[in-house]
PDB file of N, CA and C in Angstrom:
ATOM      1  N   MET A   1       0.846  -1.117  -0.113  1.00  0.00           N
ATOM      2  CA  MET A   1      -0.199  -0.101  -0.211  1.00  0.00           C
ATOM      3  C   MET A   1       1.034   1.133   0.118  1.00  0.00           C
ATOM      4  N   ARG A   2       0.575   2.296  -0.583  1.00  0.00           N
ATOM      5  CA  ARG A   2       1.404   3.281  -0.928  1.00  0.00           C
ATOM      6  C   ARG A   2       1.108   4.481   0.308  1.00  0.00           C
ATOM      7  N   GLU A   3       2.044   5.061   0.601  1.00  0.00           N
ATOM      8  CA  GLU A   3       1.495   6.256   1.607  1.00  0.00           C
ATOM      9  C   GLU A   3       0.813   7.538   0.956  1.00  0.00           C
ATOM     10  N   PRO A   4      -0.253   8.195   1.783  1.00  0.00           N
ATOM     11  CA  PRO A   4      -1.080   8.990   1.323  1.00  0.00           C
ATOM     12  C   PRO A   4       0.051  10.413   0.906  1.00  0.00           C
ATOM     13  N   ALA A   5      -0.112  10.981  -0.159  1.00  0.00           N
ATOM     14  CA  ALA A   5       0.565  12.327  -0.631  1.00  0.00           C
ATOM     15  C   ALA A   5       0.638  13.260   0.208  1.00  0.00           C
ATOM     16  N   SER A   6       1.833  13.731   0.665  1.00  0.00           N
ATOM     17  CA  SER A   6       2.136  15.102   1.500  1.00  0.00           C
ATOM     18  C   SER A   6       2.524  16.100   0.744  1.00  0.00           C
ATOM     19  N   PRO A   7       1.798  17.154   1.207  1.00  0.00           N
ATOM     20  CA  PRO A   7       2.222  18.468   0.260  1.00  0.00           C
ATOM     21  C   PRO A   7       3.720  18.628   0.243  1.00  0.00           C
ATOM     22  N   ALA A   8       4.452  19.475  -0.633  1.00  0.00           N
ATOM     23  CA  ALA A   8       5.737  19.868  -0.604  1.00  0.00           C
ATOM     24  C   ALA A   8       5.929  21.002   0.330  1.00  0.00           C
ATOM     25  N   ARG A   9       6.915  20.757   1.275  1.00  0.00           N
ATOM     26  CA  ARG A   9       7.406  21.889   1.935  1.00  0.00           C
ATOM     27  C   ARG A   9       8.843  22.294   1.636  1.00  0.00           C
ATOM     28  N   ILE A  10       9.169  23.753   1.791  1.00  0.00           N
ATOM     29  CA  ILE A  10      10.718  24.059   1.363  1.00  0.00           C
ATOM     30  C   ILE A  10      10.928  25.084   2.613  1.00  0.00           C
ATOM     31  N   THR A  11      12.056  24.607   3.151  1.00  0.00           N
ATOM     32  CA  THR A  11      12.391  25.165   4.116  1.00  0.00           C
ATOM     33  C   THR A  11      14.045  25.763   3.659  1.00  0.00           C
ATOM     34  N   ALA A  12      14.151  26.991   3.939  1.00  0.00           N
ATOM     35  CA  ALA A  12      15.419  27.728   3.880  1.00  0.00           C
ATOM     36  C   ALA A  12      16.255  27.903   5.058  1.00  0.00           C
ATOM     37  N   TYR A  13      17.307  27.139   4.902  1.00  0.00           N
ATOM     38  CA  TYR A  13      18.104  27.014   6.133  1.00  0.00           C
ATOM     39  C   TYR A  13      19.295  28.319   6.167  1.00  0.00           C
ATOM     40  N   PRO A  14      19.289  29.265   7.092  1.00  0.00           N
ATOM     41  CA  PRO A  14      20.379  29.832   7.210  1.00  0.00           C
ATOM     42  C   PRO A  14      21.829  29.818   6.505  1.00  0.00           C
ATOM     43  N   ASP A  15      22.197  30.722   5.709  1.00  0.00           N
ATOM     44  CA  ASP A  15      23.459  30.209   5.253  1.00  0.00           C
ATOM     45  C   ASP A  15      23.666  28.943   4.585  1.00  0.00           C
ATOM     46  N   GLY A  16      22.774  28.098   3.984  1.00  0.00           N
ATOM     47  CA  GLY A  16      22.777  26.675   3.661  1.00  0.00           C
ATOM     48  C   GLY A  16      21.504  26.302   2.516  1.00  0.00           C
ATOM     49  N   PRO A  17      21.291  25.365   2.314  1.00  0.00           N
ATOM     50  CA  PRO A  17      20.456  24.921   1.139  1.00  0.00           C
ATOM     51  C   PRO A  17      19.005  25.354   1.417  1.00  0.00           C
ATOM     52  N   LEU A  18      18.230  25.044   0.264  1.00  0.00           N
ATOM     53  CA  LEU A  18      16.724  24.777   0.408  1.00  0.00           C
ATOM     54  C   LEU A  18      16.617  23.242   0.647  1.00  0.00           C
ATOM     55  N   VAL A  19      15.712  23.041   1.555  1.00  0.00           N
ATOM     56  CA  VAL A  19      15.200  21.708   1.793  1.00  0.00           C
ATOM     57  C   VAL A  19      14.133  21.333   1.533  1.00  0.00           C
ATOM     58  N   VAL A  20      13.443  20.506   0.812  1.00  0.00           N
ATOM     59  CA  VAL A  20      12.337  20.011   0.316  1.00  0.00           C
ATOM     60  C   VAL A  20      12.142  18.714   0.855  1.00  0.00           C
ATOM     61  N   ARG A  21      10.899  18.991   1.259  1.00  0.00           N
ATOM     62  CA  ARG A  21      10.226  17.524   1.653  1.00  0.00           C
ATOM     63  C   ARG A  21       8.714  17.412   1.359  1.00  0.00           C
ATOM     64  N   GLY A  22       8.288  15.982   1.113  1.00  0.00           N
ATOM     65  CA  GLY A  22       7.191  15.812   0.670  1.00  0.00           C
ATOM     66  C   GLY A  22       7.053  15.345  -0.532  1.00  0.00           C
ATOM     67  N   ASP A  23       5.842  15.440  -1.358  1.00  0.00           N
ATOM     68  CA  ASP A  23       5.689  15.028  -2.783  1.00  0.00           C
ATOM     69  C   ASP A  23       5.919  16.163  -3.463  1.00  0.00           C
ATOM     70  N   PHE A  24       7.063  15.944  -4.568  1.00  0.00           N
ATOM     71  CA  PHE A  24       7.450  17.260  -5.225  1.00  0.00           C
ATOM     72  C   PHE A  24       8.052  16.678  -6.767  1.00  0.00           C
ATOM     73  N   GLU A  25       8.233  17.648  -7.556  1.00  0.00           N
ATOM     74  CA  GLU A  25       8.886  17.055  -8.899  1.00  0.00           C
ATOM     75  C   GLU A  25       9.714  18.385  -9.092  1.00  0.00           C
ATOM     76  N   ILE A  26      10.968  18.246  -9.395  1.00  0.00           N
ATOM     77  CA  ILE A  26      11.853  18.867  -9.814  1.00  0.00           C
ATOM     78  C   ILE A  26      12.229  18.906 -11.071  1.00  0.00           C
ATOM     79  N   VAL A  27      12.039  20.072 -11.836  1.00  0.00           N
ATOM     80  CA  VAL A  27      12.324  19.697 -13.488  1.00  0.00           C
ATOM     81  C   VAL A  27      13.491  21.015 -13.892  1.00  0.00           C
ATOM     82  N   ASP A  28      14.284  20.579 -14.952  1.00  0.00           N
ATOM     83  CA  ASP A  28      15.537  21.487 -15.252  1.00  0.00           C
ATOM     84  C   ASP A  28      14.881  22.747 -16.091  1.00  0.00           C
ATOM     85  N   GLU A  29      15.503  23.411 -16.727  1.00  0.00           N
ATOM     86  CA  GLU A  29      15.015  24.680 -17.441  1.00  0.00           C
ATOM     87  C   GLU A  29      14.303  24.491 -18.728  1.00  0.00           C
ATOM     88  N   GLN A  30      14.219  23.120 -19.406  1.00  0.00           N
ATOM     89  CA  GLN A  30      13.578  22.742 -20.369  1.00  0.00           C
ATOM     90  C   GLN A  30      12.245  22.117 -19.840  1.00  0.00           C
ATOM     91  N   GLY A  31      12.075  21.945 -18.571  1.00  0.00           N
ATOM     92  CA  GLY A  31      11.006  21.336 -18.139  1.00  0.00           C
ATOM     93  C   GLY A  31      10.875  19.640 -18.208  1.00  0.00           C
ATOM     94  N   VAL A  32      12.161  19.218 -18.218  1.00  0.00           N
ATOM     95  CA  VAL A  32      12.762  17.619 -17.914  1.00  0.00           C
ATOM     96  C   VAL A  32      12.638  17.521 -16.481  1.00  0.00           C
ATOM     97  N   PRO A  33      12.066  16.339 -16.162  1.00  0.00           N
ATOM     98  CA  PRO A  33      12.004  16.108 -14.799  1.00  0.00           C
ATOM     99  C   PRO A  33      13.438  15.690 -14.229  1.00  0.00           C
ATOM    100  N   VAL A  34      14.008  16.029 -13.235  1.00  0.00           N
ATOM    101  CA  VAL A  34      15.474  15.515 -12.654  1.00  0.00           C
ATOM    102  C   VAL A  34      15.178  14.562 -11.937  1.00  0.00           C
ATOM    103  N   GLU A  35      15.543  13.390 -12.045  1.00  0.00           N
ATOM    104  CA  GLU A  35      15.293  11.914 -11.174  1.00  0.00           C
ATOM    105  C   GLU A  35      15.668  12.180  -9.877  1.00  0.00           C
ATOM    106  N   THR A  36      14.934  11.740  -8.975  1.00  0.00           N
ATOM    107  CA  THR A  36      15.570  11.625  -7.530  1.00  0.00           C
ATOM    108  C   THR A  36      14.592  10.578  -6.961  1.00  0.00           C
ATOM    109  N   SER A  37      15.058   9.903  -6.151  1.00  0.00           N
ATOM    110  CA  SER A  37      14.283   8.525  -5.375  1.00  0.00           C
ATOM    111  C   SER A  37      14.158   8.863  -3.899  1.00  0.00           C
ATOM    112  N   ARG A  38      14.222  10.349  -3.430  1.00  0.00           N
ATOM    113  CA  ARG A  38      14.355  10.650  -2.210  1.00  0.00           C
ATOM    114  C   ARG A  38      12.982  11.396  -1.912  1.00  0.00           C
ATOM    115  N   ARG A  39      12.213  11.486  -0.798  1.00  0.00           N
ATOM    116  CA  ARG A  39      11.282  12.150  -0.410  1.00  0.00           C
ATOM    117  C   ARG A  39      11.879  13.613   0.115  1.00  0.00           C
ATOM    118  N   THR A  40      13.244  13.808   0.650  1.00  0.00           N
ATOM    119  CA  THR A  40      13.742  14.691   1.049  1.00  0.00           C
ATOM    120  C   THR A  40      15.015  15.002   0.454  1.00  0.00           C
ATOM    121  N   VAL A  41      15.255  16.159  -0.433  1.00  0.00           N
ATOM    122  CA  VAL A  41      16.371  16.740  -0.926  1.00  0.00           C
ATOM    123  C   VAL A  41      16.889  18.133  -0.474  1.00  0.00           C
ATOM    124  N   ALA A  42      18.041  18.455  -0.768  1.00  0.00           N
ATOM    125  CA  ALA A  42      18.623  19.614  -0.163  1.00  0.00           C
ATOM    126  C   ALA A  42      19.223  20.297  -1.865  1.00  0.00           C
ATOM    127  N   LEU A  43      18.783  21.626  -1.817  1.00  0.00           N
ATOM    128  CA  LEU A  43      18.809  22.158  -3.127  1.00  0.00           C
ATOM    129  C   LEU A  43      20.172  23.198  -2.743  1.00  0.00           C
ATOM    130  N   CYS A  44      21.175  23.500  -3.816  1.00  0.00           N
ATOM    131  CA  CYS A  44      21.889  24.515  -3.610  1.00  0.00           C
ATOM    132  C   CYS A  44      21.558  25.701  -3.887  1.00  0.00           C
ATOM    133  N   ARG A  45      21.904  26.699  -2.978  1.00  0.00           N
ATOM    134  CA  ARG A  45      21.749  28.019  -3.154  1.00  0.00           C
ATOM    135  C   ARG A  45      22.796  28.797  -3.033  1.00  0.00           C
ATOM    136  N   CYS A  46      23.998  28.275  -2.866  1.00  0.00           N
ATOM    137  CA  CYS A  46      25.278  29.242  -3.103  1.00  0.00           C
ATOM    138  C   CYS A  46      25.912  29.248  -4.555  1.00  0.00           C
ATOM    139  N   GLY A  47      25.444  27.996  -5.423  1.00  0.00           N
ATOM    140  CA  GLY A  47      26.017  28.156  -6.695  1.00  0.00           C
ATOM    141  C   GLY A  47      27.083  27.368  -6.968  1.00  0.00           C
ATOM    142  N   VAL A  48      27.728  26.865  -6.097  1.00  0.00           N
ATOM    143  CA  VAL A  48      29.115  26.518  -6.141  1.00  0.00           C
ATOM    144  C   VAL A  48      29.158  24.951  -5.962  1.00  0.00           C
ATOM    145  N   SER A  49      28.130  24.207  -5.763  1.00  0.00           N
ATOM    146  CA  SER A  49      27.797  22.934  -5.694  1.00  0.00           C
ATOM    147  C   SER A  49      28.507  22.391  -6.785  1.00  0.00           C
ATOM    148  N   ALA A  50      29.308  21.137  -6.643  1.00  0.00           N
ATOM    149  CA  ALA A  50      29.684  20.231  -7.810  1.00  0.00           C
ATOM    150  C   ALA A  50      28.505  19.683  -8.150  1.00  0.00           C
ATOM    151  N   ILE A  51      27.364  19.149  -7.507  1.00  0.00           N
ATOM    152  CA  ILE A  51      26.524  18.249  -8.017  1.00  0.00           C
ATOM    153  C   ILE A  51      25.220  18.949  -8.065  1.00  0.00           C
ATOM    154  N   LYS A  52      25.029  20.173  -8.452  1.00  0.00           N
ATOM    155  CA  LYS A  52      23.788  20.979  -8.746  1.00  0.00           C
ATOM    156  C   LYS A  52      22.800  20.163  -9.522  1.00  0.00           C
ATOM    157  N   PRO A  53      21.690  20.303  -9.091  1.00  0.00           N
ATOM    158  CA  PRO A  53      20.744  21.187  -8.102  1.00  0.00           C
ATOM    159  C   PRO A  53      21.104  20.704  -6.906  1.00  0.00           C
ATOM    160  N   TRP A  54      21.730  19.562  -6.491  1.00  0.00           N
ATOM    161  CA  TRP A  54      21.673  19.114  -5.197  1.00  0.00           C
ATOM    162  C   TRP A  54      22.808  19.959  -4.446  1.00  0.00           C
ATOM    163  N   CYS A  55      22.670  20.300  -3.167  1.00  0.00           N
ATOM    164  CA  CYS A  55      23.761  20.827  -2.200  1.00  0.00           C
ATOM    165  C   CYS A  55      24.818  19.760  -1.770  1.00  0.00           C
ATOM    166  N   ASP A  56      26.079  19.835  -1.706  1.00  0.00           N
ATOM    167  CA  ASP A  56      27.013  19.126  -1.337  1.00  0.00           C
ATOM    168  C   ASP A  56      28.061  19.677  -0.289  1.00  0.00           C
ATOM    169  N   GLY A  57      27.545  20.661   0.266  1.00  0.00           N
ATOM    170  CA  GLY A  57      28.042  21.228   1.695  1.00  0.00           C
ATOM    171  C   GLY A  57      29.019  22.376   1.343  1.00  0.00           C
ATOM    172  N   THR A  58      29.278  22.794   0.024  1.00  0.00           N
ATOM    173  CA  THR A  58      30.221  23.755  -0.247  1.00  0.00           C
ATOM    174  C   THR A  58      30.104  25.140   0.219  1.00  0.00           C
ATOM    175  N   HIS A  59      28.864  25.323   0.443  1.00  0.00           N
ATOM    176  CA  HIS A  59      28.551  26.571   1.140  1.00  0.00           C
ATOM    177  C   HIS A  59      29.274  26.966   2.492  1.00  0.00           C
ATOM    178  N   LYS A  60      29.524  25.973   3.002  1.00  0.00           N
ATOM    179  CA  LYS A  60      30.371  25.929   4.378  1.00  0.00           C
ATOM    180  C   LYS A  60      31.645  26.534   4.153  1.00  0.00           C
ATOM    181  N   ILE A  61      32.342  26.023   3.028  1.00  0.00           N
ATOM    182  CA  ILE A  61      33.924  26.365   2.503  1.00  0.00           C
ATOM    183  C   ILE A  61      33.870  27.764   2.115  1.00  0.00           C
ATOM    184  N   THR A  62      32.837  28.117   1.485  1.00  0.00           N
ATOM    185  CA  THR A  62      32.918  29.224   0.656  1.00  0.00           C
ATOM    186  C   THR A  62      32.517  30.451   1.284  1.00  0.00           C
ATOM    187  N   GLY A  63      31.979  30.375   2.587  1.00  0.00           N
ATOM    188  CA  GLY A  63      31.347  31.265   3.454  1.00  0.00           C
ATOM    189  C   GLY A  63      29.791  31.933   2.924  1.00  0.00           C
ATOM    190  N   PHE A  64      29.354  31.132   2.085  1.00  0.00           N
ATOM    191  CA  PHE A  64      27.869  31.820   1.557  1.00  0.00           C
ATOM    192  C   PHE A  64      27.075  32.271   2.800  1.00  0.00           C
ATOM    193  N   HIS A  65      26.368  33.387   2.561  1.00  0.00           N
ATOM    194  CA  HIS A  65      25.612  33.944   3.460  1.00  0.00           C
ATOM    195  C   HIS A  65      24.323  34.232   2.927  1.00  0.00           C
ATOM    196  N   SER A  66      23.149  34.001   3.703  1.00  0.00           N
ATOM    197  CA  SER A  66      21.891  34.315   3.096  1.00  0.00           C
ATOM    198  C   SER A  66      21.019  35.281   4.191  1.00  0.00           C
ATOM    199  N   ASP A  67      20.217  36.076   3.724  1.00  0.00           N
ATOM    200  CA  ASP A  67      19.491  37.067   4.426  1.00  0.00           C
ATOM    201  C   ASP A  67      18.354  36.154   5.026  1.00  0.00           C
ATOM    202  N   ARG A  68      18.313  35.032   4.677  1.00  0.00           N
ATOM    203  CA  ARG A  68      16.791  34.230   5.444  1.00  0.00           C
ATOM    204  C   ARG A  68      17.511  32.677   5.182  1.00  0.00           C
TER     205      ARG A  68
END
């Protein structure tokens, strides 16, 4: 039996990634779905991750700062 759908929730972590939880679809700039098998993912906000769109923790090294 499949779990009921849960709405997507996006949390902006201070000086860190956007964490997406729940049912969501991520698409690239052409509208093509980006494959993910997880119900929780961390998206890069600093722009320096080597595995974009996913966060790899590089924001800690670069000193990325966010207002939120």
